[in-house]
Amino acid sequence: MLKGLLFDLDGVLTNSAKFHLTAWNNLAKELGITLTDAQLDSLRGISRMDSLNLILKYGGQEDKYTEAEKEKFAAEKNAKFVEQVETMTPKDILPGIPELLADAKKQNLKMVIASASKNAPKILTRLGIMNEFDGIVDPATLHHGKPDPEIYIKAQEIAGLKANEVISFEDAKAGVEAIKAAHQFAVGIGDKELLKEADYIVPTTADLKLSEIEKVFEEKE
C-alpha cells in the first residue's frame, strides 16, 4: 500500500539543475576543460565533489589539484549557484508539481526530499513549498552518492516506511539506478531510453498524475 513519496529536487520539483550545469560549465572553462553536452548532462543528480571529480576526469586533470584546491573550486561554483537560487520564486516550480503535491496531501502521504544538493532547504523556501515536506535527507550524512541507494534508503527511513510503501521521483539516470537499488518504485521524468530502468516514465513533470502512477504501482505490488 502506498504511504509516501520521495523526491529528487533539481529537475523534478524545479529546474535549478540549469543553474548547476551553467555554474559547472563555467568552472570547467576556467580550468581549460571543454565539456560536451553529454558530459555536462552526466553531472545531473550527483554530489558536488563527485561532479567536480568527473569534470577533472573528462579534462584529464584528475591528479592536478589537491583536495583543498578542489574544495575551493566547489565552493566557488556553489557561490555562483546560490546567487541564481536567490532569484527563484514559486513561479519556478515545474508544471504539474503543485497538483501532485496537493493530491499527495489529500491522501496523507508522507513526503521526503532525497537530493544531493546542500541547498535544498534554501531552494524549497524560495519556492514556498518547504512546509509541504516531512523531511529532507542531509547530504552531509551520506557516504555514497547516486547511483548508490543510500540517499533513497535514508529518505525512506525519515518517512518511517518500507521500500514497498514508497514511490520515488527522478530525472537522472544515476537517480533512477539509486531508487531501483533501494528496491523502490521509480518514476522517471525525461528521456525514455535514458531512464528505461524506471517503473513508470513520463516526458515532463506536466505529465505526472498521481492516480495514474498509483495504478501501475498497485499492479506491481
Protein backbone atom coordinates (compact mmCIF):
# COMPACT_ATOMS: atom_id res chain seq x y z
CA MET A 1 0.00 0.00 0.00
CA LEU A 2 1.31 3.44 -0.95
CA LYS A 3 2.20 5.56 2.07
CA GLY A 4 4.87 8.01 0.86
CA LEU A 5 6.57 9.88 -1.96
CA LEU A 6 10.31 10.56 -2.15
CA PHE A 7 11.58 13.32 -4.43
CA ASP A 8 14.80 14.36 -6.03
CA LEU A 9 14.83 18.17 -6.26
CA ASP A 10 16.73 19.51 -9.28
CA GLY A 11 14.82 18.71 -12.45
CA VAL A 12 11.88 17.19 -10.56
CA LEU A 13 10.35 19.93 -8.42
CA THR A 14 12.12 22.84 -10.08
CA ASN A 15 14.66 23.40 -12.83
CA SER A 16 17.51 24.54 -10.60
CA ALA A 17 19.58 21.93 -12.46
CA LYS A 18 20.11 24.52 -15.22
CA PHE A 19 21.86 26.80 -12.67
CA HIS A 20 24.06 23.90 -11.56
CA LEU A 21 25.06 22.95 -15.08
CA THR A 22 25.81 26.55 -16.07
CA ALA A 23 27.98 27.03 -12.98
CA TRP A 24 29.84 23.76 -13.60
CA ASN A 25 30.33 24.57 -17.28
CA ASN A 26 31.80 27.97 -16.42
CA LEU A 27 34.15 26.41 -13.86
CA ALA A 28 35.26 23.81 -16.40
CA LYS A 29 36.10 26.57 -18.90
CA GLU A 30 38.14 28.38 -16.24
CA LEU A 31 40.11 25.15 -15.78
CA GLY A 32 40.64 24.85 -19.54
CA ILE A 33 38.19 21.97 -19.92
CA THR A 34 35.57 21.93 -22.67
CA LEU A 35 32.60 19.72 -21.81
CA THR A 36 30.37 18.09 -24.40
CA ASP A 37 26.59 18.27 -23.88
CA ALA A 38 26.60 14.59 -22.88
CA GLN A 39 29.38 15.12 -20.34
CA LEU A 40 27.57 18.11 -18.86
CA ASP A 41 24.34 16.12 -18.69
CA SER A 42 26.12 13.33 -16.80
CA LEU A 43 26.56 15.72 -13.84
CA ARG A 44 22.82 15.66 -13.13
CA GLY A 45 21.84 14.13 -9.81
CA ILE A 46 25.31 13.56 -8.39
CA SER A 47 27.02 15.30 -5.48
CA ARG A 48 29.16 18.42 -5.66
CA MET A 49 32.55 16.73 -5.22
CA ASP A 50 31.60 13.80 -7.46
CA SER A 51 30.64 16.32 -10.16
CA LEU A 52 33.94 18.17 -9.82
CA ASN A 53 35.97 14.94 -9.93
CA LEU A 54 34.09 13.87 -13.05
CA ILE A 55 34.84 17.21 -14.76
CA LEU A 56 38.54 16.86 -13.90
CA LYS A 57 38.48 13.29 -15.24
CA TYR A 58 36.92 14.48 -18.52
CA GLY A 59 39.71 17.05 -18.80
CA GLY A 60 42.47 14.61 -17.87
CA GLN A 61 43.23 16.63 -14.73
CA GLU A 62 42.33 14.07 -12.02
CA ASP A 63 45.69 14.36 -10.27
CA LYS A 64 46.42 18.02 -10.93
CA TYR A 65 44.85 19.52 -7.77
CA THR A 66 44.98 18.93 -4.02
CA GLU A 67 41.82 18.19 -2.03
CA ALA A 68 42.00 21.74 -0.61
CA GLU A 69 42.10 23.21 -4.13
CA LYS A 70 39.15 21.03 -5.15
CA GLU A 71 37.17 22.22 -2.13
CA LYS A 72 37.91 25.81 -3.17
CA PHE A 73 36.68 25.17 -6.73
CA ALA A 74 33.49 23.53 -5.42
CA ALA A 75 32.85 26.44 -3.04
CA GLU A 76 33.31 28.97 -5.87
CA LYS A 77 30.87 27.03 -8.05
CA ASN A 78 28.35 26.85 -5.22
CA ALA A 79 28.56 30.59 -4.52
CA LYS A 80 27.62 31.28 -8.16
CA PHE A 81 24.80 28.76 -7.96
CA VAL A 82 23.40 30.31 -4.76
CA GLU A 83 23.35 33.74 -6.46
CA GLN A 84 20.97 32.23 -9.02
CA VAL A 85 18.87 30.49 -6.35
CA GLU A 86 18.19 33.88 -4.74
CA THR A 87 16.27 34.85 -7.89
CA MET A 88 13.87 31.88 -7.62
CA THR A 89 10.17 32.29 -6.77
CA PRO A 90 7.13 29.94 -6.59
CA LYS A 91 6.79 30.53 -10.35
CA ASP A 92 9.86 28.30 -10.76
CA ILE A 93 8.02 25.20 -9.53
CA LEU A 94 7.73 22.87 -12.53
CA PRO A 95 4.33 22.28 -14.19
CA GLY A 96 2.24 19.51 -12.64
CA ILE A 97 4.12 19.54 -9.33
CA PRO A 98 1.67 21.72 -7.32
CA GLU A 99 -1.17 19.37 -8.33
CA LEU A 100 0.89 16.28 -7.48
CA LEU A 101 1.78 17.63 -4.02
CA ALA A 102 -1.86 18.62 -3.40
CA ASP A 103 -3.10 15.13 -4.36
CA ALA A 104 -0.48 13.55 -2.07
CA LYS A 105 -1.59 15.78 0.81
CA LYS A 106 -5.22 14.71 0.32
CA GLN A 107 -4.11 11.10 0.75
CA ASN A 108 -1.97 11.97 3.81
CA LEU A 109 1.13 10.59 2.10
CA LYS A 110 4.50 11.24 3.73
CA MET A 111 6.81 13.31 1.52
CA VAL A 112 10.60 13.48 1.81
CA ILE A 113 13.32 15.15 -0.28
CA ALA A 114 16.18 12.90 -1.46
CA SER A 115 18.53 15.38 -3.09
CA ALA A 116 22.32 15.54 -3.15
CA SER A 117 22.00 19.34 -3.08
CA LYS A 118 23.14 21.00 0.14
CA ASN A 119 21.00 23.96 -0.95
CA ALA A 120 17.71 22.02 -0.84
CA PRO A 121 16.25 23.90 2.20
CA LYS A 122 17.11 27.25 0.61
CA ILE A 123 15.56 26.26 -2.73
CA LEU A 124 12.38 24.86 -1.16
CA THR A 125 12.00 28.03 0.91
CA ARG A 126 12.38 30.22 -2.18
CA LEU A 127 9.74 28.10 -3.94
CA GLY A 128 7.39 28.44 -0.96
CA ILE A 129 6.94 24.67 -0.50
CA MET A 130 9.31 23.92 2.39
CA ASN A 131 6.39 23.08 4.71
CA GLU A 132 4.95 20.52 2.28
CA PHE A 133 7.64 18.00 3.21
CA ASP A 134 8.09 15.80 6.26
CA GLY A 135 11.87 15.79 5.98
CA ILE A 136 14.99 16.30 3.88
CA VAL A 137 17.95 13.94 3.69
CA ASP A 138 21.05 15.81 4.90
CA PRO A 139 23.74 15.23 2.22
CA ALA A 140 26.40 15.68 4.91
CA THR A 141 25.29 12.36 6.45
CA LEU A 142 25.82 10.42 3.22
CA HIS A 143 28.85 8.27 2.48
CA HIS A 144 27.97 7.41 -1.11
CA GLY A 145 26.48 9.40 -3.99
CA LYS A 146 23.90 8.24 -6.53
CA PRO A 147 23.68 5.66 -8.13
CA ASP A 148 24.32 4.16 -4.67
CA PRO A 149 20.92 3.64 -2.98
CA GLU A 150 21.96 5.23 0.35
CA ILE A 151 20.09 8.54 -0.15
CA TYR A 152 16.80 6.82 -1.01
CA ILE A 153 17.13 4.35 1.85
CA LYS A 154 17.67 7.31 4.23
CA ALA A 155 14.68 9.17 2.76
CA GLN A 156 12.54 6.07 3.27
CA GLU A 157 13.76 5.84 6.89
CA ILE A 158 12.92 9.53 7.50
CA ALA A 159 9.39 8.77 6.25
CA GLY A 160 9.30 5.74 8.56
CA LEU A 161 8.24 3.48 5.69
CA LYS A 162 9.24 0.27 3.90
CA ALA A 163 10.59 0.09 0.34
CA ASN A 164 7.29 -1.30 -1.00
CA GLU A 165 5.33 1.60 0.52
CA VAL A 166 7.01 4.46 -1.38
CA ILE A 167 7.21 5.89 -4.88
CA SER A 168 10.37 7.85 -5.77
CA PHE A 169 10.77 10.52 -8.46
CA GLU A 170 13.92 11.20 -10.52
CA ASP A 171 15.03 12.88 -13.74
CA ALA A 172 18.56 11.47 -13.83
CA LYS A 173 19.84 8.02 -14.83
CA ALA A 174 22.01 7.78 -11.70
CA GLY A 175 18.97 8.67 -9.59
CA VAL A 176 16.74 6.01 -11.14
CA GLU A 177 19.51 3.45 -10.60
CA ALA A 178 19.71 4.53 -6.94
CA ILE A 179 15.94 4.09 -6.48
CA LYS A 180 15.94 0.62 -8.03
CA ALA A 181 18.98 -0.40 -5.94
CA ALA A 182 16.90 0.63 -2.89
CA HIS A 183 14.14 -1.71 -4.17
CA GLN A 184 11.66 1.14 -4.52
CA PHE A 185 9.17 2.01 -7.29
CA ALA A 186 10.85 4.52 -9.63
CA VAL A 187 9.16 7.29 -11.62
CA GLY A 188 11.48 8.66 -14.31
CA ILE A 189 10.93 12.12 -15.78
CA GLY A 190 12.60 12.68 -19.14
CA ASP A 191 14.14 10.55 -21.88
CA LYS A 192 12.52 7.10 -22.12
CA GLU A 193 15.70 5.35 -23.24
CA LEU A 194 17.96 7.03 -20.69
CA LEU A 195 15.57 6.26 -17.81
CA LYS A 196 14.50 2.82 -19.04
CA GLU A 197 15.13 1.19 -15.65
CA ALA A 198 12.26 3.23 -14.14
CA ASP A 199 8.90 1.53 -13.47
CA TYR A 200 6.93 4.47 -14.87
CA ILE A 201 8.24 7.14 -17.25
CA VAL A 202 6.80 10.49 -18.34
CA PRO A 203 8.45 13.03 -20.71
CA THR A 204 7.82 16.03 -18.43
CA THR A 205 6.53 16.84 -14.93
CA ALA A 206 3.34 18.17 -16.54
CA ASP A 207 2.51 14.54 -17.38
CA LEU A 208 2.65 13.40 -13.74
CA LYS A 209 -0.74 12.22 -12.48
CA LEU A 210 -0.68 10.56 -9.06
CA SER A 211 -3.77 8.44 -9.77
CA GLU A 212 -2.17 7.03 -12.96
CA ILE A 213 1.14 6.32 -11.22
CA GLU A 214 -0.68 4.60 -8.35
CA LYS A 215 -2.43 2.23 -10.77
CA VAL A 216 0.91 0.96 -12.08
CA PHE A 217 2.34 0.88 -8.54
CA GLU A 218 -0.55 -1.29 -7.32
CA GLU A 219 -0.20 -3.64 -10.30
CA LYS A 220 3.45 -4.21 -9.39
CA GLU A 221 2.59 -4.99 -5.77
